[in-house]
């Protein structure tokens, strides 16, 4: 009897999920619409070390082919800040917060239209130790991690935009 109830519950869940309109973002795999569109996005140069890290992370996730024909350009402007939070008795900083903010636009190269204008951000706490080398190493590690997180947010938003545009075009 419990098998029958389980089967009925699974069938009910399948019918409910089928009616909600959810579908895989990367349906079709590497030959799907979202993946092929992302491969046509060129990342414009981004200033600074944070820009270099973020641009490389974006290119890794877009799977662009060098010399390939780009239909879109991703323009990113970064704001990287470190602020001190905790103070020791000797007035030195004991804790820092590093914040990486990105303002980005997806531009259609055929007509120069801005298709997507959005922002992404992430922050990380850093323990500031008495060793200057240790603090600098922690700040660099935080920047590397933040650039990966921000790149993930940007790619997710662009992929969602492409998927929704495809859904609108299909209607």
N, C-alpha and C. Protein backbone atom coordinates (compact mmCIF):
# COMPACT_ATOMS: atom_id res chain seq x y z
N UNK A 1 0.82 -1.20 0.00
CA UNK A 1 0.00 0.00 0.00
C UNK A 1 0.86 1.26 0.00
N UNK A 2 2.01 1.20 0.72
CA UNK A 2 2.88 2.38 0.75
C UNK A 2 3.52 2.62 -0.61
N UNK A 3 3.79 1.58 -1.36
CA UNK A 3 4.33 1.76 -2.71
C UNK A 3 3.34 2.48 -3.61
N UNK A 4 2.07 2.15 -3.47
CA UNK A 4 1.04 2.79 -4.27
C UNK A 4 0.94 4.27 -3.90
N UNK A 5 1.00 4.57 -2.61
CA UNK A 5 0.95 5.98 -2.16
C UNK A 5 2.17 6.75 -2.67
N UNK A 6 3.32 6.12 -2.62
CA UNK A 6 4.54 6.76 -3.10
C UNK A 6 4.44 7.02 -4.60
N UNK A 7 3.95 6.06 -5.34
CA UNK A 7 3.78 6.21 -6.77
C UNK A 7 2.80 7.33 -7.10
N UNK A 8 1.72 7.39 -6.38
CA UNK A 8 0.72 8.45 -6.60
C UNK A 8 1.32 9.81 -6.25
N UNK A 9 2.07 9.90 -5.18
CA UNK A 9 2.69 11.16 -4.79
C UNK A 9 3.71 11.63 -5.82
N UNK A 10 4.50 10.69 -6.35
CA UNK A 10 5.48 11.04 -7.38
C UNK A 10 4.79 11.50 -8.66
N UNK A 11 3.73 10.84 -9.05
CA UNK A 11 2.99 11.22 -10.25
C UNK A 11 2.38 12.61 -10.06
N UNK A 12 1.85 12.87 -8.87
CA UNK A 12 1.28 14.19 -8.58
C UNK A 12 2.34 15.28 -8.62
N UNK A 13 3.51 14.98 -8.08
CA UNK A 13 4.61 15.96 -8.10
C UNK A 13 5.07 16.22 -9.53
N UNK A 14 5.14 15.19 -10.34
CA UNK A 14 5.57 15.35 -11.74
C UNK A 14 4.58 16.22 -12.51
N UNK A 15 3.30 16.01 -12.30
CA UNK A 15 2.28 16.81 -12.98
C UNK A 15 2.36 18.26 -12.51
N UNK A 16 2.57 18.47 -11.22
CA UNK A 16 2.67 19.83 -10.68
C UNK A 16 3.87 20.55 -11.25
N UNK A 17 5.03 19.90 -11.27
CA UNK A 17 6.24 20.52 -11.80
C UNK A 17 6.13 20.79 -13.29
N UNK A 18 5.49 19.92 -14.03
CA UNK A 18 5.36 20.12 -15.47
C UNK A 18 4.52 21.34 -15.78
N UNK A 19 3.57 21.65 -14.93
CA UNK A 19 2.69 22.78 -15.16
C UNK A 19 3.23 24.11 -14.68
N UNK A 20 4.35 24.12 -13.95
CA UNK A 20 4.84 25.37 -13.38
C UNK A 20 5.68 26.17 -14.36
N UNK A 21 6.07 25.61 -15.48
CA UNK A 21 6.84 26.34 -16.47
C UNK A 21 8.33 26.31 -16.29
N UNK A 22 8.82 25.57 -15.32
CA UNK A 22 10.26 25.47 -15.12
C UNK A 22 10.87 24.60 -16.22
N UNK A 23 12.04 25.00 -16.67
CA UNK A 23 12.78 24.20 -17.63
C UNK A 23 14.26 24.45 -17.40
N UNK A 24 15.11 23.52 -17.80
CA UNK A 24 16.55 23.67 -17.57
C UNK A 24 17.11 24.87 -18.31
N UNK A 25 17.97 25.63 -17.65
CA UNK A 25 18.57 26.81 -18.25
C UNK A 25 19.45 26.43 -19.43
N UNK A 26 20.24 25.39 -19.26
CA UNK A 26 21.16 24.97 -20.32
C UNK A 26 20.64 23.75 -21.06
N UNK A 27 19.34 23.73 -21.37
CA UNK A 27 18.80 22.60 -22.10
C UNK A 27 19.43 22.54 -23.48
N UNK A 28 19.73 21.37 -23.92
CA UNK A 28 20.41 21.19 -25.20
C UNK A 28 21.92 21.10 -25.05
N UNK A 29 22.42 21.24 -23.82
CA UNK A 29 23.85 21.12 -23.58
C UNK A 29 24.65 22.20 -24.28
N UNK A 30 25.81 21.84 -24.79
CA UNK A 30 26.69 22.83 -25.42
C UNK A 30 26.16 23.30 -26.77
N UNK A 31 25.18 22.60 -27.33
CA UNK A 31 24.60 23.04 -28.60
C UNK A 31 23.26 23.74 -28.40
N UNK A 32 22.86 23.94 -27.15
CA UNK A 32 21.61 24.64 -26.85
C UNK A 32 21.73 26.13 -27.11
N UNK A 33 20.59 26.81 -27.12
CA UNK A 33 20.54 28.23 -27.43
C UNK A 33 21.34 29.07 -26.44
N UNK A 34 21.20 28.80 -25.15
CA UNK A 34 21.89 29.60 -24.14
C UNK A 34 23.41 29.42 -24.26
N UNK A 35 23.86 28.19 -24.38
CA UNK A 35 25.30 27.93 -24.47
C UNK A 35 25.90 28.53 -25.74
N UNK A 36 25.21 28.41 -26.87
CA UNK A 36 25.75 28.97 -28.11
C UNK A 36 25.74 30.49 -28.08
N UNK A 37 24.74 31.09 -27.45
CA UNK A 37 24.69 32.55 -27.34
C UNK A 37 25.80 33.04 -26.41
N UNK A 38 26.01 32.37 -25.29
CA UNK A 38 27.08 32.77 -24.37
C UNK A 38 28.45 32.67 -25.03
N UNK A 39 28.62 31.71 -25.93
CA UNK A 39 29.91 31.55 -26.62
C UNK A 39 30.16 32.69 -27.60
N UNK A 40 29.14 33.49 -27.90
CA UNK A 40 29.27 34.61 -28.82
C UNK A 40 29.44 35.94 -28.10
N UNK A 41 29.70 35.90 -26.80
CA UNK A 41 29.88 37.11 -26.00
C UNK A 41 31.38 37.37 -25.83
N UNK A 42 31.78 38.58 -26.20
CA UNK A 42 33.17 39.02 -26.02
C UNK A 42 33.24 39.87 -24.75
N UNK A 43 34.24 39.65 -23.94
CA UNK A 43 34.42 40.42 -22.71
C UNK A 43 35.38 41.56 -23.00
N UNK A 44 34.90 42.79 -22.81
CA UNK A 44 35.74 43.96 -23.01
C UNK A 44 36.80 44.00 -21.91
N UNK A 45 37.97 44.58 -22.19
CA UNK A 45 39.01 44.67 -21.15
C UNK A 45 38.49 45.41 -19.91
N UNK A 46 38.90 44.94 -18.75
CA UNK A 46 38.51 45.54 -17.47
C UNK A 46 39.77 45.98 -16.76
N UNK A 47 39.75 47.18 -16.21
CA UNK A 47 40.94 47.76 -15.59
C UNK A 47 41.34 47.06 -14.30
N UNK A 48 42.66 47.04 -14.04
CA UNK A 48 43.20 46.63 -12.76
C UNK A 48 43.33 45.12 -12.59
N UNK A 49 43.89 44.78 -11.43
CA UNK A 49 44.08 43.37 -11.10
C UNK A 49 42.74 42.66 -10.93
N UNK A 50 41.81 43.33 -10.25
CA UNK A 50 40.47 42.75 -10.08
C UNK A 50 39.81 42.56 -11.43
N UNK A 51 40.03 43.49 -12.35
CA UNK A 51 39.47 43.38 -13.69
C UNK A 51 40.06 42.22 -14.47
N UNK A 52 41.37 42.04 -14.34
CA UNK A 52 42.03 40.93 -15.02
C UNK A 52 41.49 39.60 -14.51
N UNK A 53 41.37 39.48 -13.19
CA UNK A 53 40.86 38.24 -12.60
C UNK A 53 39.41 37.98 -13.02
N UNK A 54 38.58 39.02 -12.97
CA UNK A 54 37.17 38.88 -13.31
C UNK A 54 37.00 38.57 -14.80
N UNK A 55 37.75 39.26 -15.66
CA UNK A 55 37.65 39.01 -17.10
C UNK A 55 38.04 37.57 -17.44
N UNK A 56 39.10 37.07 -16.83
CA UNK A 56 39.49 35.68 -17.07
C UNK A 56 38.44 34.70 -16.58
N UNK A 57 37.85 34.98 -15.42
CA UNK A 57 36.79 34.12 -14.90
C UNK A 57 35.58 34.14 -15.84
N UNK A 58 35.25 35.30 -16.37
CA UNK A 58 34.11 35.40 -17.30
C UNK A 58 34.39 34.62 -18.59
N UNK A 59 35.59 34.78 -19.13
CA UNK A 59 35.94 34.07 -20.37
C UNK A 59 35.91 32.55 -20.16
N UNK A 60 36.37 32.10 -18.99
CA UNK A 60 36.32 30.67 -18.70
C UNK A 60 34.90 30.15 -18.68
N UNK A 61 33.97 30.93 -18.18
CA UNK A 61 32.59 30.49 -18.06
C UNK A 61 31.80 30.64 -19.36
N UNK A 62 32.21 31.59 -20.21
CA UNK A 62 31.51 31.81 -21.47
C UNK A 62 31.89 30.79 -22.54
N UNK A 63 33.06 30.18 -22.42
CA UNK A 63 33.56 29.22 -23.40
C UNK A 63 33.66 29.84 -24.79
N UNK A 64 34.14 31.08 -24.83
CA UNK A 64 34.33 31.73 -26.12
C UNK A 64 35.53 31.13 -26.84
N UNK A 65 35.43 31.12 -28.15
CA UNK A 65 36.55 30.62 -28.94
C UNK A 65 37.38 31.81 -29.41
N UNK A 66 38.70 31.75 -29.25
CA UNK A 66 39.54 32.86 -29.69
C UNK A 66 39.38 33.09 -31.19
N UNK A 67 39.16 34.33 -31.57
CA UNK A 67 38.99 34.66 -32.98
C UNK A 67 37.59 34.37 -33.50
N UNK A 68 36.70 33.89 -32.63
CA UNK A 68 35.34 33.60 -33.05
C UNK A 68 34.54 34.89 -33.27
N UNK A 69 33.48 34.79 -34.03
CA UNK A 69 32.64 35.95 -34.31
C UNK A 69 31.77 36.26 -33.10
N UNK A 70 31.98 37.44 -32.55
CA UNK A 70 31.20 37.86 -31.38
C UNK A 70 29.97 38.65 -31.84
N UNK A 71 28.84 38.34 -31.27
CA UNK A 71 27.61 39.09 -31.53
C UNK A 71 27.31 40.08 -30.42
N UNK A 72 27.89 39.82 -29.24
CA UNK A 72 27.63 40.65 -28.07
C UNK A 72 28.95 41.02 -27.39
N UNK A 73 28.92 42.12 -26.64
CA UNK A 73 30.07 42.51 -25.84
C UNK A 73 29.59 42.74 -24.41
N UNK A 74 30.36 42.22 -23.49
CA UNK A 74 30.06 42.41 -22.07
C UNK A 74 31.03 43.46 -21.54
N UNK A 75 30.49 44.59 -21.13
CA UNK A 75 31.29 45.69 -20.60
C UNK A 75 31.10 45.73 -19.09
N UNK A 76 32.21 45.69 -18.36
CA UNK A 76 32.16 45.60 -16.90
C UNK A 76 33.01 46.71 -16.30
N UNK A 77 32.46 47.37 -15.31
CA UNK A 77 33.22 48.35 -14.52
C UNK A 77 33.19 47.86 -13.07
N UNK A 78 34.38 47.79 -12.46
CA UNK A 78 34.50 47.25 -11.11
C UNK A 78 34.80 48.34 -10.09
N UNK A 79 34.32 48.12 -8.89
CA UNK A 79 34.66 48.95 -7.75
C UNK A 79 35.14 48.00 -6.65
N UNK A 80 36.42 48.07 -6.33
CA UNK A 80 37.06 47.19 -5.35
C UNK A 80 37.46 48.03 -4.14
N UNK A 81 36.91 47.69 -2.98
CA UNK A 81 37.21 48.47 -1.78
C UNK A 81 37.55 47.57 -0.60
N UNK A 82 38.45 48.07 0.21
CA UNK A 82 38.78 47.41 1.48
C UNK A 82 38.58 48.44 2.59
N UNK A 83 37.78 48.06 3.58
CA UNK A 83 37.58 48.96 4.72
C UNK A 83 37.93 48.22 6.00
N UNK A 84 38.48 48.95 6.95
CA UNK A 84 38.82 48.37 8.24
C UNK A 84 37.60 48.35 9.15
N UNK A 85 37.44 47.26 9.88
CA UNK A 85 36.28 47.12 10.76
C UNK A 85 36.67 47.07 12.23
N UNK A 86 37.60 46.22 12.59
CA UNK A 86 37.99 46.06 13.99
C UNK A 86 39.28 46.80 14.29
N UNK A 87 39.40 47.32 15.50
CA UNK A 87 40.60 48.05 15.89
C UNK A 87 41.14 47.46 17.19
N UNK A 88 42.46 47.23 17.18
CA UNK A 88 43.12 46.72 18.38
C UNK A 88 43.44 47.87 19.33
N UNK A 89 43.97 47.54 20.50
CA UNK A 89 44.33 48.55 21.49
C UNK A 89 45.42 49.49 20.99
N UNK A 90 46.28 48.98 20.10
CA UNK A 90 47.35 49.83 19.58
C UNK A 90 46.92 50.60 18.32
N UNK A 91 45.62 50.70 18.09
CA UNK A 91 45.01 51.41 16.96
C UNK A 91 45.30 50.78 15.60
N UNK A 92 45.72 49.54 15.55
CA UNK A 92 45.89 48.86 14.27
C UNK A 92 44.59 48.11 13.94
N UNK A 93 44.37 47.88 12.67
CA UNK A 93 43.14 47.23 12.22
C UNK A 93 43.26 45.72 12.41
N UNK A 94 42.21 45.13 12.97
CA UNK A 94 42.21 43.69 13.21
C UNK A 94 41.32 42.92 12.24
N UNK A 95 40.41 43.61 11.57
CA UNK A 95 39.48 42.94 10.65
C UNK A 95 39.18 43.90 9.50
N UNK A 96 39.11 43.34 8.29
CA UNK A 96 38.81 44.13 7.11
C UNK A 96 37.67 43.49 6.34
N UNK A 97 37.00 44.29 5.54
CA UNK A 97 35.99 43.78 4.62
C UNK A 97 36.37 44.24 3.23
N UNK A 98 36.49 43.28 2.33
CA UNK A 98 36.78 43.59 0.93
C UNK A 98 35.50 43.39 0.14
N UNK A 99 35.11 44.41 -0.60
CA UNK A 99 33.89 44.38 -1.39
C UNK A 99 34.23 44.58 -2.85
N UNK A 100 33.70 43.73 -3.70
CA UNK A 100 33.88 43.86 -5.14
C UNK A 100 32.49 44.03 -5.76
N UNK A 101 32.31 45.18 -6.40
CA UNK A 101 31.05 45.48 -7.07
C UNK A 101 31.30 45.60 -8.56
N UNK A 102 30.38 45.08 -9.35
CA UNK A 102 30.49 45.14 -10.80
C UNK A 102 29.22 45.73 -11.38
N UNK A 103 29.38 46.71 -12.22
CA UNK A 103 28.27 47.24 -13.02
C UNK A 103 28.55 46.77 -14.44
N UNK A 104 27.63 46.05 -15.04
CA UNK A 104 27.90 45.47 -16.34
C UNK A 104 26.74 45.68 -17.29
N UNK A 105 27.10 45.70 -18.59
CA UNK A 105 26.12 45.84 -19.66
C UNK A 105 26.41 44.81 -20.74
N UNK A 106 25.36 44.22 -21.24
CA UNK A 106 25.45 43.33 -22.40
C UNK A 106 25.01 44.15 -23.60
N UNK A 107 25.94 44.33 -24.55
CA UNK A 107 25.70 45.20 -25.70
C UNK A 107 25.61 44.35 -26.97
N UNK A 108 24.57 44.59 -27.78
CA UNK A 108 24.42 43.94 -29.07
C UNK A 108 25.33 44.67 -30.06
N UNK A 109 26.30 43.98 -30.63
CA UNK A 109 27.27 44.62 -31.52
C UNK A 109 26.68 45.02 -32.87
N UNK A 110 25.56 44.42 -33.26
CA UNK A 110 24.98 44.75 -34.56
C UNK A 110 24.38 46.16 -34.59
N UNK A 111 23.83 46.60 -33.45
CA UNK A 111 23.21 47.93 -33.44
C UNK A 111 23.62 48.80 -32.25
N UNK A 112 24.46 48.28 -31.36
CA UNK A 112 24.92 49.05 -30.21
C UNK A 112 23.91 49.16 -29.08
N UNK A 113 22.82 48.42 -29.16
CA UNK A 113 21.79 48.49 -28.12
C UNK A 113 22.25 47.78 -26.86
N UNK A 114 21.92 48.39 -25.73
CA UNK A 114 22.21 47.77 -24.44
C UNK A 114 21.06 46.83 -24.12
N UNK A 115 21.34 45.54 -24.10
CA UNK A 115 20.31 44.54 -23.86
C UNK A 115 20.08 44.28 -22.38
N UNK A 116 21.13 44.42 -21.60
CA UNK A 116 21.06 44.12 -20.17
C UNK A 116 21.98 45.09 -19.45
N UNK A 117 21.46 45.72 -18.41
CA UNK A 117 22.23 46.65 -17.58
C UNK A 117 21.96 46.26 -16.14
N UNK A 118 22.96 45.71 -15.46
CA UNK A 118 22.74 45.19 -14.11
C UNK A 118 24.01 45.33 -13.27
N UNK A 119 23.92 44.86 -12.05
CA UNK A 119 25.05 44.93 -11.12
C UNK A 119 25.17 43.61 -10.37
N UNK A 120 26.39 43.35 -9.92
CA UNK A 120 26.68 42.17 -9.10
C UNK A 120 27.65 42.61 -8.01
N UNK A 121 27.60 41.93 -6.87
CA UNK A 121 28.52 42.29 -5.81
C UNK A 121 28.71 41.11 -4.87
N UNK A 122 29.84 41.15 -4.20
CA UNK A 122 30.12 40.18 -3.15
C UNK A 122 31.15 40.79 -2.23
N UNK A 123 31.18 40.29 -1.00
CA UNK A 123 32.18 40.79 -0.05
C UNK A 123 32.72 39.64 0.78
N UNK A 124 33.88 39.90 1.37
CA UNK A 124 34.54 38.88 2.17
C UNK A 124 35.19 39.55 3.37
N UNK A 125 35.15 38.86 4.50
CA UNK A 125 35.84 39.33 5.69
C UNK A 125 37.26 38.81 5.71
N UNK A 126 38.17 39.66 6.17
CA UNK A 126 39.58 39.30 6.21
C UNK A 126 40.12 39.60 7.60
N UNK A 127 40.78 38.61 8.20
CA UNK A 127 41.48 38.85 9.46
C UNK A 127 42.81 39.51 9.14
N UNK A 128 43.04 40.66 9.73
CA UNK A 128 44.29 41.37 9.53
C UNK A 128 45.25 40.96 10.64
N UNK A 129 46.25 40.20 10.26
CA UNK A 129 47.21 39.69 11.23
C UNK A 129 48.37 40.66 11.38
N UNK A 130 49.22 40.41 12.34
CA UNK A 130 50.35 41.32 12.59
C UNK A 130 51.41 41.26 11.48
N UNK A 131 51.41 40.19 10.73
CA UNK A 131 52.35 40.06 9.62
C UNK A 131 51.77 40.76 8.38
N UNK A 132 52.50 41.70 7.84
CA UNK A 132 52.04 42.41 6.66
C UNK A 132 51.88 41.47 5.48
N UNK A 133 52.80 40.52 5.34
CA UNK A 133 52.73 39.53 4.27
C UNK A 133 51.44 38.70 4.39
N UNK A 134 51.12 38.29 5.61
CA UNK A 134 49.91 37.49 5.83
C UNK A 134 48.65 38.26 5.47
N UNK A 135 48.63 39.53 5.80
CA UNK A 135 47.46 40.36 5.48
C UNK A 135 47.32 40.55 3.98
N UNK A 136 48.44 40.82 3.31
CA UNK A 136 48.40 41.01 1.85
C UNK A 136 47.98 39.71 1.16
N UNK A 137 48.48 38.60 1.63
CA UNK A 137 48.11 37.30 1.05
C UNK A 137 46.61 37.04 1.24
N UNK A 138 46.09 37.38 2.42
CA UNK A 138 44.65 37.19 2.69
C UNK A 138 43.81 38.11 1.80
N UNK A 139 44.26 39.35 1.59
CA UNK A 139 43.54 40.28 0.73
C UNK A 139 43.53 39.79 -0.72
N UNK A 140 44.66 39.26 -1.19
CA UNK A 140 44.73 38.73 -2.56
C UNK A 140 43.86 37.50 -2.74
N UNK A 141 43.86 36.63 -1.76
CA UNK A 141 43.02 35.44 -1.81
C UNK A 141 41.55 35.83 -1.84
N UNK A 142 41.19 36.81 -1.03
CA UNK A 142 39.80 37.29 -1.02
C UNK A 142 39.43 37.87 -2.38
N UNK A 143 40.33 38.63 -3.00
CA UNK A 143 40.04 39.20 -4.31
C UNK A 143 39.85 38.11 -5.36
N UNK A 144 40.68 37.09 -5.33
CA UNK A 144 40.53 35.98 -6.28
C UNK A 144 39.18 35.29 -6.11
N UNK A 145 38.79 35.06 -4.87
CA UNK A 145 37.51 34.41 -4.59
C UNK A 145 36.34 35.31 -5.00
N UNK A 146 36.44 36.60 -4.69
CA UNK A 146 35.36 37.54 -5.03
C UNK A 146 35.20 37.68 -6.54
N UNK A 147 36.30 37.68 -7.28
CA UNK A 147 36.19 37.80 -8.74
C UNK A 147 35.48 36.57 -9.32
N UNK A 148 35.70 35.41 -8.77
CA UNK A 148 35.00 34.19 -9.21
C UNK A 148 33.50 34.28 -8.92
N UNK A 149 33.18 34.75 -7.71
CA UNK A 149 31.78 34.85 -7.31
C UNK A 149 31.04 35.87 -8.17
N UNK A 150 31.65 37.03 -8.39
CA UNK A 150 31.02 38.07 -9.21
C UNK A 150 30.86 37.58 -10.65
N UNK A 151 31.85 36.89 -11.18
CA UNK A 151 31.75 36.34 -12.54
C UNK A 151 30.60 35.34 -12.62
N UNK A 152 30.45 34.49 -11.61
CA UNK A 152 29.33 33.54 -11.58
C UNK A 152 27.99 34.28 -11.61
N UNK A 153 27.87 35.35 -10.82
CA UNK A 153 26.63 36.12 -10.78
C UNK A 153 26.32 36.74 -12.14
N UNK A 154 27.35 37.29 -12.78
CA UNK A 154 27.16 37.93 -14.09
C UNK A 154 26.72 36.89 -15.12
N UNK A 155 27.39 35.76 -15.17
CA UNK A 155 27.05 34.73 -16.16
C UNK A 155 25.64 34.19 -15.92
N UNK A 156 25.29 33.99 -14.67
CA UNK A 156 23.94 33.51 -14.35
C UNK A 156 22.89 34.49 -14.84
N UNK A 157 23.12 35.78 -14.61
CA UNK A 157 22.16 36.81 -15.02
C UNK A 157 22.08 36.91 -16.54
N UNK A 158 23.21 36.85 -17.22
CA UNK A 158 23.21 36.91 -18.68
C UNK A 158 22.52 35.67 -19.26
N UNK A 159 22.81 34.50 -18.71
CA UNK A 159 22.18 33.26 -19.19
C UNK A 159 20.67 33.30 -18.97
N UNK A 160 20.25 33.83 -17.84
CA UNK A 160 18.81 33.96 -17.56
C UNK A 160 18.16 34.92 -18.55
N UNK A 161 18.84 36.02 -18.85
CA UNK A 161 18.33 36.97 -19.84
C UNK A 161 18.18 36.30 -21.20
N UNK A 162 19.20 35.57 -21.63
CA UNK A 162 19.15 34.89 -22.93
C UNK A 162 18.01 33.88 -22.96
N UNK A 163 17.84 33.12 -21.88
CA UNK A 163 16.79 32.12 -21.81
C UNK A 163 15.40 32.76 -21.88
N UNK A 164 15.23 33.86 -21.17
CA UNK A 164 13.93 34.55 -21.20
C UNK A 164 13.66 35.18 -22.55
N UNK A 165 14.70 35.71 -23.19
CA UNK A 165 14.55 36.27 -24.54
C UNK A 165 14.14 35.19 -25.53
N UNK A 166 14.72 34.01 -25.36
CA UNK A 166 14.36 32.87 -26.22
C UNK A 166 12.91 32.48 -25.99
N UNK A 167 12.46 32.46 -24.73
CA UNK A 167 11.07 32.12 -24.43
C UNK A 167 10.11 33.13 -25.04
N UNK A 168 10.47 34.43 -24.97
CA UNK A 168 9.60 35.48 -25.55
C UNK A 168 9.54 35.34 -27.07
N UNK A 169 10.67 35.01 -27.69
CA UNK A 169 10.71 34.87 -29.14
C UNK A 169 9.91 33.66 -29.61
N UNK A 170 9.83 32.62 -28.77
CA UNK A 170 9.11 31.41 -29.13
C UNK A 170 7.59 31.61 -29.06
N UNK A 171 7.17 32.60 -28.31
CA UNK A 171 5.71 32.81 -28.16
C UNK A 171 5.10 33.51 -29.32
